[in-house]
Protein backbone atom coordinates (compact mmCIF):
# COMPACT_ATOMS: atom_id res chain seq x y z
CA MET A 1 0.15 0.19 -0.23
CA ASN A 2 1.52 3.28 -0.99
CA LEU A 3 0.65 6.00 1.51
CA PRO A 4 1.23 9.81 1.48
CA ALA A 5 4.19 10.46 3.94
CA PRO A 6 3.08 12.13 7.21
CA HIS A 7 2.94 15.93 7.87
CA CYS A 8 3.20 17.93 11.11
CA ALA A 9 -0.92 18.00 10.86
CA ALA A 10 -1.35 14.36 10.85
CA PRO A 11 -2.36 12.82 14.14
CA ILE A 12 -0.38 10.68 16.39
CA GLY A 13 -1.49 6.96 16.98
CA ILE A 14 -1.60 5.62 20.81
CA PHE A 15 -2.71 2.07 21.33
CA ASP A 16 -3.11 -0.19 24.28
CA SER A 17 -4.69 -3.66 24.67
CA GLY A 18 -7.68 -1.73 26.64
CA LEU A 19 -8.06 1.55 28.73
CA GLY A 20 -4.70 1.90 30.49
CA GLY A 21 -3.20 3.82 27.74
CA LEU A 22 -5.45 6.71 28.48
CA SER A 23 -2.95 7.27 31.50
CA VAL A 24 -0.45 8.08 28.67
CA LEU A 25 -2.99 10.21 26.39
CA ARG A 26 -3.45 12.30 29.30
CA ALA A 27 0.35 12.88 29.66
CA VAL A 28 0.68 13.58 25.71
CA ARG A 29 -2.35 15.89 25.78
CA ALA A 30 -0.72 17.99 28.62
CA GLN A 31 2.95 17.90 26.77
CA LEU A 32 1.64 18.39 23.10
CA PRO A 33 -1.51 20.31 23.51
CA ALA A 34 -1.18 20.92 19.46
CA GLU A 35 -1.04 17.51 18.08
CA GLN A 36 -4.31 15.39 16.96
CA LEU A 37 -4.59 11.95 18.38
CA VAL A 38 -5.88 8.61 17.54
CA TYR A 39 -6.43 6.16 20.33
CA VAL A 40 -7.36 2.48 20.12
CA ALA A 41 -8.09 0.04 22.68
CA ASP A 42 -8.02 -3.60 21.73
CA SER A 43 -10.27 -4.22 24.36
CA ARG A 44 -11.92 -7.22 22.49
CA TYR A 45 -8.81 -8.98 23.06
CA ALA A 46 -7.98 -7.69 26.49
CA PRO A 47 -5.79 -8.10 28.55
CA TYR A 48 -2.80 -8.84 26.98
CA GLY A 49 -1.26 -10.41 29.95
CA GLN A 50 -3.15 -13.48 29.75
CA ARG A 51 -2.14 -13.71 25.51
CA ASP A 52 0.79 -15.63 24.30
CA ASP A 53 3.80 -13.73 22.78
CA ASP A 54 3.05 -14.62 18.94
CA PHE A 55 -0.55 -13.07 19.76
CA ILE A 56 0.82 -10.05 21.24
CA ALA A 57 3.05 -9.35 18.19
CA ASP A 58 0.15 -10.11 15.63
CA ARG A 59 -2.12 -7.78 17.06
CA THR A 60 0.65 -4.91 17.66
CA LEU A 61 1.39 -4.74 14.44
CA ALA A 62 -1.97 -5.06 12.93
CA ILE A 63 -3.39 -1.76 15.10
CA GLY A 64 0.28 -0.14 13.71
CA GLU A 65 -0.96 -1.01 10.41
CA TRP A 66 -4.08 0.39 10.64
CA LEU A 67 -3.14 3.45 12.58
CA VAL A 68 -0.49 4.06 9.39
CA ALA A 69 -3.64 3.59 7.20
CA GLN A 70 -5.37 6.25 9.23
CA GLY A 71 -2.69 8.69 8.48
CA ALA A 72 -0.83 8.50 11.74
CA LYS A 73 2.84 10.09 11.77
CA ALA A 74 3.89 8.39 15.01
CA LEU A 75 2.95 5.59 17.27
CA VAL A 76 2.68 5.29 20.89
CA VAL A 77 2.81 1.64 21.88
CA ALA A 78 1.24 2.55 25.29
CA CYS A 79 1.11 -0.92 26.68
CA ASN A 80 4.06 -2.12 29.21
CA THR A 81 3.07 -6.08 27.74
CA ALA A 82 3.12 -4.99 24.09
CA THR A 83 6.31 -2.95 24.44
CA ALA A 84 8.21 -5.85 26.25
CA GLN A 85 7.04 -8.57 23.60
CA SER A 86 6.93 -6.77 20.31
CA ILE A 87 8.01 -3.11 19.98
CA GLU A 88 11.23 -4.42 17.67
CA PHE A 89 9.51 -6.59 15.68
CA VAL A 90 6.97 -3.87 14.85
CA ARG A 91 9.37 -1.06 14.64
CA ALA A 92 11.00 -2.82 11.69
CA ARG A 93 7.82 -3.45 9.41
CA LEU A 94 6.38 0.21 10.31
CA SER A 95 7.13 3.13 8.24
CA ILE A 96 6.48 5.65 11.12
CA PRO A 97 8.49 6.44 14.32
CA LEU A 98 7.34 4.34 17.47
CA VAL A 99 7.85 5.09 21.16
CA GLY A 100 7.11 2.46 23.52
CA VAL A 101 6.64 2.46 27.26
CA GLU A 102 8.65 0.30 29.90
CA PRO A 103 8.28 0.06 33.87
CA GLY A 104 10.28 2.72 35.50
CA VAL A 105 13.03 0.59 36.87
CA LYS A 106 15.88 3.74 36.24
CA PRO A 107 13.98 6.36 38.10
CA ALA A 108 12.80 3.49 41.06
CA ALA A 109 16.84 3.02 41.55
CA GLN A 110 17.22 6.74 41.86
CA LEU A 111 14.63 7.51 44.12
CA SER A 112 14.70 4.63 46.77
CA LYS A 113 16.73 5.21 49.86
CA SER A 114 16.03 1.95 51.37
CA ARG A 115 17.32 0.19 48.31
CA VAL A 116 13.88 -1.87 48.10
CA ALA A 117 11.72 -1.09 45.14
CA GLY A 118 8.33 -3.18 44.19
CA VAL A 119 7.31 -3.64 40.65
CA LEU A 120 3.69 -4.17 39.72
CA ALA A 121 3.23 -5.27 36.34
CA THR A 122 1.86 -8.23 34.32
CA GLN A 123 3.05 -11.55 34.10
CA VAL A 124 4.38 -11.43 30.51
CA THR A 125 6.12 -7.97 31.16
CA LEU A 126 7.66 -9.56 34.46
CA ARG A 127 9.03 -12.35 32.42
CA SER A 128 10.23 -10.63 29.31
CA ALA A 129 14.22 -10.13 28.14
CA ARG A 130 13.54 -6.48 27.84
CA PHE A 131 12.43 -6.17 31.47
CA GLN A 132 15.10 -8.43 32.95
CA ALA A 133 17.86 -6.29 30.90
CA LEU A 134 16.09 -3.33 32.26
CA VAL A 135 16.66 -4.29 35.87
CA ALA A 136 20.46 -5.79 35.05
CA ARG A 137 21.32 -2.13 33.77
CA HIS A 138 20.00 0.05 35.88
CA ALA A 139 19.22 -1.85 39.20
CA ASP A 140 22.12 -3.93 40.36
CA ASP A 141 22.36 -2.76 43.73
CA LEU A 142 18.48 -2.61 44.12
CA ARG A 143 16.33 -5.22 45.33
CA VAL A 144 13.75 -5.84 42.93
CA LEU A 145 10.42 -7.24 44.01
CA CYS A 146 8.25 -8.20 41.43
CA GLN A 147 4.50 -8.67 41.72
CA PRO A 148 2.17 -9.82 39.02
CA GLY A 149 -0.82 -7.63 38.77
CA HIS A 150 -3.25 -10.35 38.33
CA GLY A 151 -6.91 -9.17 38.19
CA LEU A 152 -6.16 -5.44 38.32
CA VAL A 153 -5.97 -4.76 34.34
CA GLU A 154 -9.81 -6.34 34.31
CA ALA A 155 -10.83 -4.19 37.24
CA VAL A 156 -9.61 -1.13 35.55
CA GLU A 157 -11.24 -2.21 32.01
CA ARG A 158 -14.35 -2.48 33.82
CA CYS A 159 -14.15 1.27 35.28
CA ASP A 160 -13.41 -0.22 39.00
CA ILE A 161 -10.42 2.05 40.59
CA GLY A 162 -11.66 2.06 44.40
CA SER A 163 -14.33 -0.92 45.14
CA PRO A 164 -13.30 -2.77 48.48
CA GLU A 165 -12.69 -5.76 46.84
CA LEU A 166 -10.05 -3.87 44.47
CA VAL A 167 -8.51 -2.56 47.39
CA ALA A 168 -8.22 -5.80 49.35
CA LEU A 169 -6.71 -7.44 45.84
CA LEU A 170 -4.09 -4.62 45.85
CA ARG A 171 -3.67 -4.81 49.76
CA GLY A 172 -2.08 -8.39 49.02
CA TYR A 173 -0.03 -7.34 46.09
CA VAL A 174 1.31 -4.23 47.86
CA GLN A 175 1.55 -5.07 51.77
CA PRO A 176 4.70 -7.73 51.28
CA MET A 177 6.64 -5.16 49.74
CA LEU A 178 6.16 -2.62 52.58
CA ASP A 179 7.11 -5.40 54.84
CA ALA A 180 10.07 -6.16 53.12
CA GLY A 181 11.41 -3.04 53.24
CA ALA A 182 10.10 -1.20 49.83
CA ASP A 183 9.80 2.59 49.87
CA THR A 184 9.15 2.85 45.83
CA LEU A 185 6.57 1.01 43.94
CA VAL A 186 6.86 1.02 39.77
CA LEU A 187 3.66 1.17 38.17
CA GLY A 188 4.20 -1.08 35.71
CA CYS A 189 1.52 -1.24 33.16
CA THR A 190 -0.46 1.65 31.67
CA HIS A 191 -3.54 1.03 33.60
CA TYR A 192 -2.14 1.19 37.16
CA PRO A 193 -1.91 4.90 37.33
CA PHE A 194 -5.76 4.87 37.38
CA LEU A 195 -5.21 3.01 40.51
CA ASP A 196 -3.16 5.55 42.12
CA THR A 197 -5.67 6.66 44.84
CA ALA A 198 -6.79 3.00 45.97
CA ILE A 199 -3.07 2.17 46.26
CA ARG A 200 -2.48 5.58 48.34
CA SER A 201 -5.25 4.34 50.62
CA ILE A 202 -2.84 1.50 51.56
CA VAL A 203 0.47 2.70 51.43
CA GLY A 204 -0.03 6.60 52.48
CA GLU A 205 3.51 8.23 52.06
CA ARG A 206 5.66 4.95 52.60
CA MET A 207 6.15 4.37 49.02
CA THR A 208 6.67 6.96 46.25
CA LEU A 209 5.01 5.86 43.15
CA VAL A 210 6.31 5.95 39.86
CA ASP A 211 4.08 6.43 36.82
CA THR A 212 6.55 7.00 33.47
CA SER A 213 3.51 8.40 31.61
CA ILE A 214 5.03 11.87 31.72
CA ALA A 215 8.44 10.57 30.54
CA ILE A 216 6.82 9.03 27.61
CA ALA A 217 4.99 12.06 26.28
CA ARG A 218 8.39 14.01 26.58
CA GLN A 219 10.04 11.06 24.74
CA LEU A 220 7.28 11.29 22.21
CA GLU A 221 8.24 15.15 21.86
CA ARG A 222 11.75 14.14 21.37
CA VAL A 223 10.98 11.83 18.45
CA LEU A 224 8.62 14.08 16.75
CA ASP A 225 11.36 16.69 16.76
CA GLN A 226 14.12 14.55 15.71
CA HIS A 227 11.77 13.68 12.40
CA GLY A 228 10.50 17.27 11.71
CA LEU A 229 6.88 15.93 12.67
CA ARG A 230 5.84 18.20 15.63
CA ALA A 231 2.48 20.01 15.47
CA THR A 232 2.34 24.08 16.31
CA ALA A 233 -0.04 26.10 17.37
CA ALA A 234 -0.61 27.06 13.63
CA ASP A 235 -1.48 23.77 12.89
CA GLY A 236 -4.91 24.27 14.82
CA GLU A 237 -3.79 24.20 18.57
CA SER A 238 -7.42 24.12 20.48
CA THR A 239 -7.56 26.39 23.40
CA GLU A 240 -10.24 24.44 25.14
CA PRO A 241 -8.72 20.74 25.16
CA ALA A 242 -11.98 19.61 27.47
CA ALA A 243 -14.37 20.68 25.26
CA ASN A 244 -12.36 20.15 22.02
CA PRO A 245 -10.30 16.99 22.98
CA ARG A 246 -8.55 17.06 19.43
CA ALA A 247 -8.84 13.01 19.93
CA ARG A 248 -10.22 10.09 18.40
CA PHE A 249 -11.48 7.30 20.25
CA CYS A 250 -11.43 4.07 18.67
CA SER A 251 -12.49 0.40 20.38
CA THR A 252 -12.31 -3.44 18.99
CA SER A 253 -15.06 -3.86 21.70
CA ASP A 254 -18.17 -1.76 22.38
CA GLY A 255 -16.67 1.19 23.37
CA ALA A 256 -19.01 1.68 26.46
CA HIS A 257 -16.28 1.70 29.16
CA LEU A 258 -13.50 3.71 27.08
CA ARG A 259 -16.08 6.37 26.68
CA ALA A 260 -16.72 5.91 30.36
CA LEU A 261 -13.70 6.04 31.69
CA ALA A 262 -12.66 9.03 29.24
CA ALA A 263 -15.27 10.99 30.94
CA ALA A 264 -14.54 9.96 34.52
CA LEU A 265 -10.78 10.28 34.49
CA LEU A 266 -9.92 13.03 31.84
CA GLY A 267 -12.93 15.02 31.70
CA ILE A 268 -13.44 14.40 27.77
CA GLU A 269 -16.79 13.61 26.73
CA ALA A 270 -16.24 11.76 23.21
CA PRO A 271 -17.91 9.76 21.06
CA VAL A 272 -16.26 5.81 20.38
CA GLU A 273 -16.01 4.27 17.09
CA CYS A 274 -16.24 0.76 16.96
CA VAL A 275 -13.76 -0.56 14.60
CA GLN A 276 -12.80 -3.87 13.22
CA ILE A 277 -8.87 -4.61 12.97
CA PRO A 278 -8.48 -8.24 11.87
CA SER A 279 -5.29 -9.98 12.27
CA ARG A 280 -3.77 -13.47 11.37
CA ARG A 281 -4.49 -14.50 14.95
CA THR A 282 -7.78 -13.48 15.68
CA ARG A 283 -9.03 -14.96 12.28
CA GLU A 284 -7.68 -17.99 13.64
CA LEU A 285 -9.82 -17.43 17.16
CA GLU A 286 -13.00 -16.42 15.20
CA GLY A 287 -12.52 -19.73 12.75
CA ASN A 288 -12.16 -21.99 15.58
CA ALA A 289 -15.35 -20.63 17.68
CA ALA A 290 -17.49 -20.66 14.20
């Protein structure tokens, strides 16, 4: 497919397995208010933390190709699991620059005074070679306590960010870290910043929470500048981001939860397009189901 080269006024694609990437979209909107954004939630197949590596790579590439076809000038893979398993594979196959996310192990190593830090992430992220290399590179003198956040992505996906059941689940993950002396907690999934208040109700000021969404937005800004793709106010910057979000929201599911969470947590009232983005593995799934 021959597509026109992207230009400064073209949108940025932001992709997550579900709703967690809204935490990245929030940071990008604050850092780069002149940019138009297209957000894709692959909620029909979330959570990725329960999927195999080939499935994750297959979906990440398919959605990246779909966003390129929509005219995206850059892609933010706003999913730690997808970044860990597939970003190099996808980067080699797309014609636009990519920015991935990774757990904030480096800032945790810089911040921790007790030299014990917890990492809350999906099982796929924690087992990935990319994560292990991150720990080896930045945390050789740090005791890193890794905890899979089973059930947390699903909670955010159904807009549960503070129920008693959720707080109890989080307490089971975080209290052992506190007992082991951790003073820093890495939120290693883009869904988890939406659980900040619930986590704070457990840890108080005893832990510093590390959310890398602001760092991702700054890295995106650098990448856009390097490629001469950054939009300016002359490209149509909105002066009322809440009323005119300059964001297009798409979901491979019915979009109801995406619309609700965007309204509740970002103050954005916007329609959600239901889109179909087929890929090799989802065709297989649907063929087997039939």
